[in-house]
Amino acid sequence: MYRWCCIKWYDESCPGIIAIMDALACLDETQYRFARTGEECMDWDKRGNMKGPPNITISAEIEIIEI
């Protein structure tokens, strides 16, 4: 499992991003799970179909706690 923070993923011409996406393209979808979230609420991407554990999912929620 790899985790990166603060990557400017929108620049898909970046050699590092190209390398990651090319590596994923060589794998069978059952061999990996890719999840990416961006700064905006609906800016996300998930690819691959690997079954967990670990199970990886993307969610957005609003929680209201009454005190």
PDB file of N, CA and C in Angstrom:
ATOM      1  N   MET A   1       0.851  -1.163   0.000  1.00  0.00           N
ATOM      2  CA  MET A   1       0.000   0.000   0.000  1.00  0.00           C
ATOM      3  C   MET A   1       0.903   1.234   0.000  1.00  0.00           C
ATOM      4  N   TYR A   2       0.587   2.180  -0.834  1.00  0.00           N
ATOM      5  CA  TYR A   2       1.313   3.445  -0.916  1.00  0.00           C
ATOM      6  C   TYR A   2       0.344   4.586  -0.667  1.00  0.00           C
ATOM      7  N   ARG A   3       0.823   5.626  -0.027  1.00  0.00           N
ATOM      8  CA  ARG A   3      -0.011   6.804   0.221  1.00  0.00           C
ATOM      9  C   ARG A   3       0.833   8.044  -0.008  1.00  0.00           C
ATOM     10  N   TRP A   4       0.299   8.963  -0.811  1.00  0.00           N
ATOM     11  CA  TRP A   4       0.968  10.221  -1.071  1.00  0.00           C
ATOM     12  C   TRP A   4       0.048  11.358  -0.679  1.00  0.00           C
ATOM     13  N   CYS A   5       0.602  12.397  -0.123  1.00  0.00           N
ATOM     14  CA  CYS A   5      -0.162  13.596   0.220  1.00  0.00           C
ATOM     15  C   CYS A   5       0.392  14.764  -0.584  1.00  0.00           C
ATOM     16  N   CYS A   6      -0.477  15.681  -0.907  1.00  0.00           N
ATOM     17  CA  CYS A   6      -0.089  16.946  -1.547  1.00  0.00           C
ATOM     18  C   CYS A   6       0.534  16.759  -2.925  1.00  0.00           C
ATOM     19  N   ILE A   7      -0.010  15.858  -3.713  1.00  0.00           N
ATOM     20  CA  ILE A   7       0.445  15.675  -5.087  1.00  0.00           C
ATOM     21  C   ILE A   7      -0.497  16.434  -6.005  1.00  0.00           C
ATOM     22  N   LYS A   8       0.050  17.168  -6.947  1.00  0.00           N
ATOM     23  CA  LYS A   8      -0.763  17.905  -7.915  1.00  0.00           C
ATOM     24  C   LYS A   8      -1.109  16.956  -9.058  1.00  0.00           C
ATOM     25  N   TRP A   9      -2.137  16.157  -8.847  1.00  0.00           N
ATOM     26  CA  TRP A   9      -2.491  15.106  -9.786  1.00  0.00           C
ATOM     27  C   TRP A   9      -3.092  15.654 -11.070  1.00  0.00           C
ATOM     28  N   TYR A  10      -3.577  16.882 -11.051  1.00  0.00           N
ATOM     29  CA  TYR A  10      -4.212  17.435 -12.251  1.00  0.00           C
ATOM     30  C   TYR A  10      -3.228  17.591 -13.394  1.00  0.00           C
ATOM     31  N   ASP A  11      -1.940  17.632 -13.109  1.00  0.00           N
ATOM     32  CA  ASP A  11      -0.935  17.760 -14.166  1.00  0.00           C
ATOM     33  C   ASP A  11      -0.540  16.365 -14.636  1.00  0.00           C
ATOM     34  N   GLU A  12      -1.376  15.783 -15.487  1.00  0.00           N
ATOM     35  CA  GLU A  12      -1.137  14.415 -15.931  1.00  0.00           C
ATOM     36  C   GLU A  12       0.008  14.293 -16.920  1.00  0.00           C
ATOM     37  N   SER A  13       0.689  15.394 -17.213  1.00  0.00           N
ATOM     38  CA  SER A  13       1.885  15.324 -18.045  1.00  0.00           C
ATOM     39  C   SER A  13       3.138  15.147 -17.191  1.00  0.00           C
ATOM     40  N   CYS A  14       2.978  15.129 -15.875  1.00  0.00           N
ATOM     41  CA  CYS A  14       4.095  14.950 -14.956  1.00  0.00           C
ATOM     42  C   CYS A  14       4.653  13.525 -15.108  1.00  0.00           C
ATOM     43  N   PRO A  15       5.970  13.368 -15.265  1.00  0.00           N
ATOM     44  CA  PRO A  15       6.541  12.025 -15.450  1.00  0.00           C
ATOM     45  C   PRO A  15       6.198  11.044 -14.327  1.00  0.00           C
ATOM     46  N   GLY A  16       6.124  11.499 -13.090  1.00  0.00           N
ATOM     47  CA  GLY A  16       5.787  10.603 -11.983  1.00  0.00           C
ATOM     48  C   GLY A  16       4.375  10.069 -12.082  1.00  0.00           C
ATOM     49  N   ILE A  17       3.437  10.921 -12.453  1.00  0.00           N
ATOM     50  CA  ILE A  17       2.043  10.493 -12.603  1.00  0.00           C
ATOM     51  C   ILE A  17       1.899   9.564 -13.796  1.00  0.00           C
ATOM     52  N   ILE A  18       2.582   9.876 -14.875  1.00  0.00           N
ATOM     53  CA  ILE A  18       2.561   9.006 -16.054  1.00  0.00           C
ATOM     54  C   ILE A  18       3.089   7.625 -15.697  1.00  0.00           C
ATOM     55  N   ALA A  19       4.168   7.563 -14.917  1.00  0.00           N
ATOM     56  CA  ALA A  19       4.754   6.273 -14.521  1.00  0.00           C
ATOM     57  C   ALA A  19       3.775   5.456 -13.684  1.00  0.00           C
ATOM     58  N   ILE A  20       3.086   6.106 -12.758  1.00  0.00           N
ATOM     59  CA  ILE A  20       2.111   5.395 -11.922  1.00  0.00           C
ATOM     60  C   ILE A  20       0.971   4.856 -12.776  1.00  0.00           C
ATOM     61  N   MET A  21       0.410   5.677 -13.629  1.00  0.00           N
ATOM     62  CA  MET A  21      -0.722   5.248 -14.440  1.00  0.00           C
ATOM     63  C   MET A  21      -0.315   4.176 -15.457  1.00  0.00           C
ATOM     64  N   ASP A  22       0.894   4.276 -16.016  1.00  0.00           N
ATOM     65  CA  ASP A  22       1.380   3.236 -16.933  1.00  0.00           C
ATOM     66  C   ASP A  22       1.559   1.905 -16.209  1.00  0.00           C
ATOM     67  N   ALA A  23       2.070   1.955 -14.973  1.00  0.00           N
ATOM     68  CA  ALA A  23       2.252   0.728 -14.197  1.00  0.00           C
ATOM     69  C   ALA A  23       0.897   0.084 -13.898  1.00  0.00           C
ATOM     70  N   LEU A  24      -0.099   0.886 -13.530  1.00  0.00           N
ATOM     71  CA  LEU A  24      -1.424   0.342 -13.271  1.00  0.00           C
ATOM     72  C   LEU A  24      -2.050  -0.256 -14.533  1.00  0.00           C
ATOM     73  N   ALA A  25      -1.789   0.367 -15.680  1.00  0.00           N
ATOM     74  CA  ALA A  25      -2.351  -0.116 -16.947  1.00  0.00           C
ATOM     75  C   ALA A  25      -1.801  -1.501 -17.314  1.00  0.00           C
ATOM     76  N   CYS A  26      -0.643  -1.853 -16.791  1.00  0.00           N
ATOM     77  CA  CYS A  26      -0.041  -3.157 -17.080  1.00  0.00           C
ATOM     78  C   CYS A  26      -0.605  -4.273 -16.198  1.00  0.00           C
ATOM     79  N   LEU A  27      -1.315  -3.910 -15.152  1.00  0.00           N
ATOM     80  CA  LEU A  27      -1.847  -4.893 -14.214  1.00  0.00           C
ATOM     81  C   LEU A  27      -3.268  -5.303 -14.575  1.00  0.00           C
ATOM     82  N   ASP A  28      -3.613  -6.501 -14.202  1.00  0.00           N
ATOM     83  CA  ASP A  28      -4.990  -6.940 -14.287  1.00  0.00           C
ATOM     84  C   ASP A  28      -5.780  -6.176 -13.223  1.00  0.00           C
ATOM     85  N   GLU A  29      -7.011  -5.794 -13.505  1.00  0.00           N
ATOM     86  CA  GLU A  29      -7.792  -4.992 -12.555  1.00  0.00           C
ATOM     87  C   GLU A  29      -8.014  -5.690 -11.222  1.00  0.00           C
ATOM     88  N   THR A  30      -7.902  -7.007 -11.192  1.00  0.00           N
ATOM     89  CA  THR A  30      -8.076  -7.721  -9.925  1.00  0.00           C
ATOM     90  C   THR A  30      -6.808  -7.690  -9.075  1.00  0.00           C
ATOM     91  N   GLN A  31      -5.725  -7.100  -9.593  1.00  0.00           N
ATOM     92  CA  GLN A  31      -4.452  -7.068  -8.882  1.00  0.00           C
ATOM     93  C   GLN A  31      -4.206  -5.775  -8.117  1.00  0.00           C
ATOM     94  N   TYR A  32      -5.057  -4.787  -8.279  1.00  0.00           N
ATOM     95  CA  TYR A  32      -4.802  -3.521  -7.601  1.00  0.00           C
ATOM     96  C   TYR A  32      -6.096  -2.789  -7.294  1.00  0.00           C
ATOM     97  N   ARG A  33      -5.981  -1.820  -6.407  1.00  0.00           N
ATOM     98  CA  ARG A  33      -7.068  -0.886  -6.103  1.00  0.00           C
ATOM     99  C   ARG A  33      -6.423   0.484  -5.989  1.00  0.00           C
ATOM    100  N   PHE A  34      -6.876   1.430  -6.783  1.00  0.00           N
ATOM    101  CA  PHE A  34      -6.348   2.786  -6.805  1.00  0.00           C
ATOM    102  C   PHE A  34      -7.461   3.731  -6.382  1.00  0.00           C
ATOM    103  N   ALA A  35      -7.177   4.603  -5.429  1.00  0.00           N
ATOM    104  CA  ALA A  35      -8.159   5.600  -4.991  1.00  0.00           C
ATOM    105  C   ALA A  35      -7.449   6.936  -4.854  1.00  0.00           C
ATOM    106  N   ARG A  36      -8.069   7.980  -5.425  1.00  0.00           N
ATOM    107  CA  ARG A  36      -7.488   9.314  -5.358  1.00  0.00           C
ATOM    108  C   ARG A  36      -8.583  10.311  -5.026  1.00  0.00           C
ATOM    109  N   THR A  37      -8.304  11.193  -4.095  1.00  0.00           N
ATOM    110  CA  THR A  37      -9.229  12.283  -3.796  1.00  0.00           C
ATOM    111  C   THR A  37      -8.520  13.595  -4.036  1.00  0.00           C
ATOM    112  N   GLY A  38      -9.278  14.588  -4.455  1.00  0.00           N
ATOM    113  CA  GLY A  38      -8.723  15.907  -4.713  1.00  0.00           C
ATOM    114  C   GLY A  38      -9.236  16.934  -3.721  1.00  0.00           C
ATOM    115  N   GLU A  39      -9.000  18.166  -4.046  1.00  0.00           N
ATOM    116  CA  GLU A  39      -9.387  19.252  -3.149  1.00  0.00           C
ATOM    117  C   GLU A  39     -10.881  19.531  -3.172  1.00  0.00           C
ATOM    118  N   GLU A  40     -11.533  19.293  -4.287  1.00  0.00           N
ATOM    119  CA  GLU A  40     -12.957  19.553  -4.427  1.00  0.00           C
ATOM    120  C   GLU A  40     -13.762  18.319  -4.015  1.00  0.00           C
ATOM    121  N   CYS A  41     -14.990  18.523  -3.629  1.00  0.00           N
ATOM    122  CA  CYS A  41     -15.854  17.459  -3.123  1.00  0.00           C
ATOM    123  C   CYS A  41     -16.003  16.307  -4.116  1.00  0.00           C
ATOM    124  N   MET A  42     -16.245  16.589  -5.357  1.00  0.00           N
ATOM    125  CA  MET A  42     -16.479  15.539  -6.344  1.00  0.00           C
ATOM    126  C   MET A  42     -15.227  15.193  -7.153  1.00  0.00           C
ATOM    127  N   ASP A  43     -14.071  15.632  -6.719  1.00  0.00           N
ATOM    128  CA  ASP A  43     -12.809  15.352  -7.411  1.00  0.00           C
ATOM    129  C   ASP A  43     -12.209  14.075  -6.828  1.00  0.00           C
ATOM    130  N   TRP A  44     -12.579  12.936  -7.410  1.00  0.00           N
ATOM    131  CA  TRP A  44     -12.063  11.661  -6.962  1.00  0.00           C
ATOM    132  C   TRP A  44     -12.015  10.684  -8.120  1.00  0.00           C
ATOM    133  N   ASP A  45     -11.236   9.649  -7.933  1.00  0.00           N
ATOM    134  CA  ASP A  45     -11.102   8.626  -8.956  1.00  0.00           C
ATOM    135  C   ASP A  45     -10.794   7.315  -8.246  1.00  0.00           C
ATOM    136  N   LYS A  46     -11.380   6.240  -8.692  1.00  0.00           N
ATOM    137  CA  LYS A  46     -11.003   4.928  -8.191  1.00  0.00           C
ATOM    138  C   LYS A  46     -10.934   3.968  -9.364  1.00  0.00           C
ATOM    139  N   ARG A  47      -9.967   3.088  -9.306  1.00  0.00           N
ATOM    140  CA  ARG A  47      -9.734   2.133 -10.384  1.00  0.00           C
ATOM    141  C   ARG A  47      -9.314   0.803  -9.775  1.00  0.00           C
ATOM    142  N   GLY A  48      -9.375  -0.211 -10.558  1.00  0.00           N
ATOM    143  CA  GLY A  48      -8.990  -1.531 -10.088  1.00  0.00           C
ATOM    144  C   GLY A  48     -10.128  -2.194  -9.342  1.00  0.00           C
ATOM    145  N   ASN A  49      -9.992  -3.500  -9.162  1.00  0.00           N
ATOM    146  CA  ASN A  49     -11.075  -4.257  -8.573  1.00  0.00           C
ATOM    147  C   ASN A  49     -10.547  -5.295  -7.581  1.00  0.00           C
ATOM    148  N   MET A  50      -9.412  -5.011  -6.967  1.00  0.00           N
ATOM    149  CA  MET A  50      -8.832  -5.938  -6.009  1.00  0.00           C
ATOM    150  C   MET A  50      -9.739  -6.050  -4.790  1.00  0.00           C
ATOM    151  N   LYS A  51      -9.928  -7.256  -4.312  1.00  0.00           N
ATOM    152  CA  LYS A  51     -10.716  -7.473  -3.105  1.00  0.00           C
ATOM    153  C   LYS A  51      -9.784  -7.399  -1.900  1.00  0.00           C
ATOM    154  N   GLY A  52     -10.267  -6.845  -0.793  1.00  0.00           N
ATOM    155  CA  GLY A  52      -9.466  -6.645   0.409  1.00  0.00           C
ATOM    156  C   GLY A  52      -9.290  -7.920   1.188  1.00  0.00           C
ATOM    157  N   PRO A  53      -8.684  -7.888   2.350  1.00  0.00           N
ATOM    158  CA  PRO A  53      -8.287  -6.656   3.023  1.00  0.00           C
ATOM    159  C   PRO A  53      -6.957  -6.138   2.505  1.00  0.00           C
ATOM    160  N   PRO A  54      -6.680  -4.897   2.638  1.00  0.00           N
ATOM    161  CA  PRO A  54      -7.569  -3.872   3.175  1.00  0.00           C
ATOM    162  C   PRO A  54      -8.605  -3.476   2.130  1.00  0.00           C
ATOM    163  N   ASN A  55      -9.778  -3.144   2.591  1.00  0.00           N
ATOM    164  CA  ASN A  55     -10.826  -2.638   1.708  1.00  0.00           C
ATOM    165  C   ASN A  55     -10.663  -1.131   1.614  1.00  0.00           C
ATOM    166  N   ILE A  56     -10.643  -0.630   0.415  1.00  0.00           N
ATOM    167  CA  ILE A  56     -10.430   0.802   0.187  1.00  0.00           C
ATOM    168  C   ILE A  56     -11.656   1.348  -0.513  1.00  0.00           C
ATOM    169  N   THR A  57     -12.189   2.418   0.003  1.00  0.00           N
ATOM    170  CA  THR A  57     -13.343   3.059  -0.606  1.00  0.00           C
ATOM    171  C   THR A  57     -13.227   4.566  -0.427  1.00  0.00           C
ATOM    172  N   ILE A  58     -13.987   5.304  -1.180  1.00  0.00           N
ATOM    173  CA  ILE A  58     -14.023   6.761  -1.084  1.00  0.00           C
ATOM    174  C   ILE A  58     -15.416   7.140  -0.613  1.00  0.00           C
ATOM    175  N   SER A  59     -15.487   8.010   0.377  1.00  0.00           N
ATOM    176  CA  SER A  59     -16.798   8.446   0.841  1.00  0.00           C
ATOM    177  C   SER A  59     -16.738   9.904   1.258  1.00  0.00           C
ATOM    178  N   ALA A  60     -17.885  10.521   1.200  1.00  0.00           N
ATOM    179  CA  ALA A  60     -18.056  11.887   1.713  1.00  0.00           C
ATOM    180  C   ALA A  60     -19.279  11.849   2.594  1.00  0.00           C
ATOM    181  N   GLU A  61     -19.174  12.425   3.758  1.00  0.00           N
ATOM    182  CA  GLU A  61     -20.321  12.380   4.652  1.00  0.00           C
ATOM    183  C   GLU A  61     -20.426  13.663   5.449  1.00  0.00           C
ATOM    184  N   ILE A  62     -21.637  13.911   5.869  1.00  0.00           N
ATOM    185  CA  ILE A  62     -21.916  15.024   6.762  1.00  0.00           C
ATOM    186  C   ILE A  62     -22.432  14.411   8.055  1.00  0.00           C
ATOM    187  N   GLU A  63     -21.827  14.779   9.130  1.00  0.00           N
ATOM    188  CA  GLU A  63     -22.220  14.231  10.430  1.00  0.00           C
ATOM    189  C   GLU A  63     -22.705  15.375  11.300  1.00  0.00           C
ATOM    190  N   ILE A  64     -23.901  15.230  11.848  1.00  0.00           N
ATOM    191  CA  ILE A  64     -24.468  16.228  12.739  1.00  0.00           C
ATOM    192  C   ILE A  64     -24.536  15.617  14.125  1.00  0.00           C
ATOM    193  N   ILE A  65     -23.888  16.266  15.055  1.00  0.00           N
ATOM    194  CA  ILE A  65     -23.860  15.761  16.420  1.00  0.00           C
ATOM    195  C   ILE A  65     -24.573  16.778  17.302  1.00  0.00           C
ATOM    196  N   GLU A  66     -25.649  16.355  17.912  1.00  0.00           N
ATOM    197  CA  GLU A  66     -26.383  17.236  18.809  1.00  0.00           C
ATOM    198  C   GLU A  66     -25.855  17.048  20.229  1.00  0.00           C
ATOM    199  N   ILE A  67     -25.503  18.148  20.835  1.00  0.00           N
ATOM    200  CA  ILE A  67     -24.959  18.097  22.195  1.00  0.00           C
ATOM    201  C   ILE A  67     -26.027  18.495  23.190  1.00  0.00           C
TER     202      ILE A  67
END
